Amino acid sequence: MHVSAEIIWTIACVVLLFAEFLIPGLVVAFFGGGALVTALTTWLGLTKSIQGQLLVFLSASLLLLILLRRTLKNVFLGKLQSDGEPQDFNLEKGKVIPVVSAIIPGEPGGKVRYQGTLWDAIADESIPAGGMARITGQENLTLRVEPARREK
């Protein structure tokens, strides 16, 4: 049974793309892209010799790596382009929520319940467990809160 070069390069592409899941860092996938380009050029008859195929593979892989890695890394890691301001996603500022574990300024361990989930919380004033807190912002995955005072 004879397997054509374009099939071998296509299989190499698939293997390299799956390897990206095992070896994170968004590098191996670009070699998979290079293998796909090589499979295409071989199928079109542009690269018949193994030397030509290897040259296309290395060139395409490096070119894809240089041109696309930074952009795709930001996309896959969830980084967003913004004006430099921190962004609060789906955060209901001003919402009053229950305090599950006491929040003590400067100490870890404060917890609140928000949208059905426990969140780490920080505040400039102590808030006892069982009390209520008002959301004022967010710092990474920690909610910034203040004591919820009853309105008169």
Protein backbone atom coordinates (compact mmCIF):
# COMPACT_ATOMS: atom_id res chain seq x y z
CA MET A 1 0.00 0.00 0.00
CA HIS A 2 1.41 3.36 -1.05
CA VAL A 3 0.54 6.45 1.00
CA SER A 4 0.97 9.74 -0.83
CA ALA A 5 3.09 12.56 0.58
CA GLU A 6 0.12 14.92 0.91
CA ILE A 7 -1.68 12.35 3.08
CA ILE A 8 1.41 12.00 5.29
CA TRP A 9 1.63 15.81 5.67
CA THR A 10 -2.10 15.99 6.46
CA ILE A 11 -1.72 13.30 9.13
CA ALA A 12 1.28 15.23 10.52
CA CYS A 13 -0.90 18.35 10.64
CA VAL A 14 -3.61 16.58 12.65
CA VAL A 15 -1.10 14.99 15.03
CA LEU A 16 0.64 18.33 15.63
CA LEU A 17 -2.64 20.14 16.23
CA PHE A 18 -3.68 17.52 18.80
CA ALA A 19 -0.20 17.70 20.36
CA GLU A 20 -0.87 21.38 21.09
CA PHE A 21 -3.39 20.24 23.71
CA LEU A 22 -0.72 18.13 25.42
CA ILE A 23 2.12 20.65 25.06
CA PRO A 24 0.58 24.06 25.80
CA GLY A 25 2.27 27.24 24.74
CA LEU A 26 0.78 27.75 21.28
CA VAL A 27 3.87 26.75 19.31
CA VAL A 28 3.27 23.20 18.11
CA ALA A 29 0.02 24.25 16.37
CA PHE A 30 1.98 26.47 14.00
CA PHE A 31 4.03 23.47 12.90
CA GLY A 32 0.69 21.78 12.26
CA GLY A 33 -0.19 24.76 10.08
CA GLY A 34 3.13 24.38 8.27
CA ALA A 35 2.33 20.72 7.65
CA LEU A 36 -1.06 21.70 6.24
CA VAL A 37 0.55 24.25 3.88
CA THR A 38 3.03 21.57 2.81
CA ALA A 39 0.22 19.08 2.18
CA LEU A 40 -1.54 21.68 0.02
CA THR A 41 1.56 22.59 -2.00
CA THR A 42 2.36 18.90 -2.49
CA TRP A 43 -1.21 18.13 -3.59
CA LEU A 44 -1.03 21.03 -6.08
CA GLY A 45 2.23 19.60 -7.42
CA LEU A 46 4.34 22.59 -6.36
CA THR A 47 6.65 20.57 -4.09
CA LYS A 48 7.53 17.17 -5.46
CA SER A 49 10.86 16.51 -3.73
CA ILE A 50 11.24 15.84 -0.02
CA GLN A 51 13.75 18.71 0.19
CA GLY A 52 11.17 21.12 -1.26
CA GLN A 53 8.52 19.82 1.10
CA LEU A 54 10.79 20.24 4.13
CA LEU A 55 11.70 23.77 3.00
CA VAL A 56 8.02 24.70 2.65
CA PHE A 57 7.21 23.06 5.99
CA LEU A 58 9.90 24.94 7.91
CA SER A 59 9.28 28.25 6.12
CA ALA A 60 5.51 28.12 6.54
CA SER A 61 5.74 27.02 10.18
CA LEU A 62 8.15 29.81 11.12
CA LEU A 63 6.22 32.41 9.15
CA LEU A 64 2.94 31.43 10.82
CA LEU A 65 4.66 31.41 14.21
CA ILE A 66 6.17 34.86 13.74
CA LEU A 67 3.08 36.49 12.23
CA LEU A 68 0.26 34.96 14.24
CA ARG A 69 1.45 33.73 17.63
CA ARG A 70 1.07 36.97 19.59
CA THR A 71 -2.40 37.67 18.23
CA LEU A 72 -3.68 34.13 18.67
CA LYS A 73 -2.12 33.78 22.12
CA ASN A 74 -4.09 36.82 23.28
CA VAL A 75 -7.27 35.35 21.79
CA PHE A 76 -6.82 31.88 23.28
CA LEU A 77 -5.73 33.17 26.69
CA GLY A 78 -8.73 35.49 26.85
CA LYS A 79 -6.85 38.77 26.87
CA LEU A 80 -8.78 41.66 25.45
CA GLN A 81 -7.60 44.84 23.89
CA SER A 82 -8.85 47.78 25.87
CA ASP A 83 -7.93 51.32 26.67
CA GLY A 84 -5.95 50.14 29.70
CA GLU A 85 -8.87 50.46 32.08
CA PRO A 86 -9.74 47.39 34.14
CA GLN A 87 -13.00 45.88 33.00
CA ASP A 88 -15.75 44.46 35.18
CA PHE A 89 -17.58 41.77 33.24
CA ASN A 90 -21.27 41.28 34.03
CA LEU A 91 -20.69 42.79 37.46
CA GLU A 92 -23.73 44.31 39.11
CA LYS A 93 -22.16 47.20 41.01
CA GLY A 94 -24.36 48.30 43.87
CA LYS A 95 -26.00 44.88 44.28
CA VAL A 96 -26.37 43.80 47.91
CA ILE A 97 -25.15 40.26 48.57
CA PRO A 98 -24.71 38.03 51.64
CA VAL A 99 -21.38 37.66 53.42
CA VAL A 100 -20.58 33.99 54.04
CA SER A 101 -17.19 34.33 55.81
CA ALA A 102 -16.18 37.46 57.69
CA ILE A 103 -14.33 40.04 55.62
CA ILE A 104 -11.47 41.64 57.55
CA PRO A 105 -9.39 44.34 55.86
CA GLY A 106 -5.90 43.11 54.96
CA GLU A 107 -6.68 39.46 55.70
CA PRO A 108 -7.60 36.71 53.24
CA GLY A 109 -10.60 34.48 53.69
CA GLY A 110 -13.55 36.80 53.26
CA LYS A 111 -16.29 35.22 51.15
CA VAL A 112 -19.53 36.41 49.65
CA ARG A 113 -22.24 34.66 47.63
CA TYR A 114 -22.85 36.24 44.23
CA GLN A 115 -24.78 34.71 41.32
CA GLY A 116 -24.97 31.38 43.14
CA THR A 117 -21.20 31.09 43.63
CA LEU A 118 -18.81 31.81 46.49
CA TRP A 119 -16.37 34.62 45.69
CA ASP A 120 -13.35 35.90 47.56
CA ALA A 121 -14.08 39.38 48.82
CA ILE A 122 -12.14 42.34 50.16
CA ALA A 123 -13.28 45.51 51.88
CA ASP A 124 -11.86 48.54 53.63
CA GLU A 125 -14.11 47.88 56.65
CA SER A 126 -14.87 44.66 58.52
CA ILE A 127 -18.08 42.90 57.58
CA PRO A 128 -19.20 39.95 59.75
CA ALA A 129 -20.38 36.61 58.41
CA GLY A 130 -24.14 36.72 57.98
CA GLY A 131 -24.01 40.44 57.19
CA MET A 132 -24.76 42.07 53.88
CA ALA A 133 -22.31 43.74 51.51
CA ARG A 134 -22.67 45.99 48.49
CA ILE A 135 -20.49 45.30 45.42
CA THR A 136 -18.28 48.26 44.52
CA GLY A 137 -15.89 46.64 42.05
CA GLN A 138 -13.66 43.75 41.21
CA GLU A 139 -9.93 43.00 41.39
CA ASN A 140 -9.19 39.99 39.19
CA LEU A 141 -11.37 37.21 40.65
CA THR A 142 -11.99 38.98 43.95
CA LEU A 143 -15.01 41.19 44.57
CA ARG A 144 -14.48 44.53 46.27
CA VAL A 145 -17.37 45.26 48.62
CA GLU A 146 -18.49 47.64 51.35
CA PRO A 147 -20.89 47.13 54.22
CA ALA A 148 -24.50 47.48 53.03
CA ARG A 149 -26.08 50.05 55.26
CA ARG A 150 -29.85 50.23 55.60
CA GLU A 151 -31.38 53.22 53.83
CA LYS A 152 -33.54 55.47 56.01
